Amino acid sequence: MNKRYGWYGLLLVGLSVALTVYLDRPRLKRAGSVAVSAALGGGDSAGYQRACQPRPFYFPDDHGPHPEFRNEWWYVTGNLADAAGRQFGYQLTLFRIALSPDPPAADYSAWRTNQVYMGHFAVTDVASGKHHNFERFSRGAAGLAGARAAPFRVWLEDWQLSGTESGVFPMQLQARDGEITLNLTLQAGKPMVLQGDRGLSQKSAAPGNASYYYSYTRLPASGVMVLNDQIFQVAGFSWLDREWSTSALGPEQSGWDWFALQLDDGRDMMFYRLRHRDGRMDSFSRGVLVGRDGQARPLRWDEVNLQPLGEWVSPYSGDRYPAAWRLQLPSENLELTVTPKVADQEMRLTVRYWEGAVAVTGRAGDSQIQGQGYLEMTRYEPAASQR
């Protein structure tokens, strides 16, 4: 969803998913698909910490879990290609969701836990026009799922991100479902970026309605993709987002559109557009522009112009999303068109949202520019054309 931001919503959506948990079983049952507006309805935050002000970040500790907050995610997306130029997109997101602020008694049962993990794994095969997406749930107990800072590892069964004894990079990404396998090595590219105000990403005016948020915007990636018994040696760039929080969106906010773009001039751009229920951009929308040298500057909501282009209607769900976008950043004389590499990259899972690989074309000043990236859009209600 949701999201993006995968971020905010998908984890809070996990709160509704958590209602389906049977604490006497090792796997969780899946609930029906829900809208982001329902999933972000709030919930009791008593007993949890909240993101209220900037804080120091400590590593490697902050690569690991923050169980004092209700929700958390490790969010990796990327664009890959083989030597012949066949293109793929991928997403692996691992979510931690707390069912209560207090951990259970350690001597009760090895199965007992107050932590649920949810995972989303997706691969887009641009040549075939197919988007494959998968979902898993498990309790954070008995070795089924969990997270730790040193040595870094977050896992949900055999889906995992892991580092080394000395650090988070090089990071190994491993995921497999059915006839699709992805094994990648992610290298450190640009420095880490603290989003928002020194890592505090405020989502609405309500105190504590925020997350702690950092990103690695350009990670060289290489490895192996197995797709229906075909083996591809692939390489490209990935993007890692990390957030933890307790709060939901404000009552006047219905969802968001999240852009993570890597341009061929070496710059990277993130921007999330929070949407009011009447379709207007919320003034808490934010972003960042990262230079080739890794220097980052924040982007205010009124610095970025976003215009939806056309509309795509899901043949499966009937949900409607913009078919493409025009993005303008006048202060940088930058005008981009962001187009999905495959129209149908809808994640039809417990939470339904659109997230997938995109191509970027446009101009930077008098020069043409290209790029690629990932886009996440929560469900539009009503139709996107009316927004």
Foldseek 3Di string as FASTA:
>chain_A
DADVCPPFQVQLLVQVQCVQQDLVDFFGDFDAADASLVSQPKDDLPQADFQFDADDDDPLFVLWDDLSAFKKKKKKKWWKAFPVGFIKIKIKMKMKGFQDNDFDDPPPDQSGTRIKMKIKIWMAGLVVLDIDIDMGIGGCGPPQFGFGRAQGWGDHHQFIWGDDRVHSPQIWGWDDDDQKTDTKGWGQDADKAQPDPNQWQAQDDDRRNTKRKIKRQWTWMWDWIGHNNDIGTMIGTMMIMIITGHHGHDNQWRGWKWWWWQWPQQKIKIWIFTAGLQGDTDQSTWMWIAHNNRDIDIDGPVQKDKDADPWDADPVPRFIDRQWMWIDRVVQQWIKIKHFSRRPQWDNGNYTWHKGKIKIWTDGNPHIIITITMMITGTDPPHPVSD
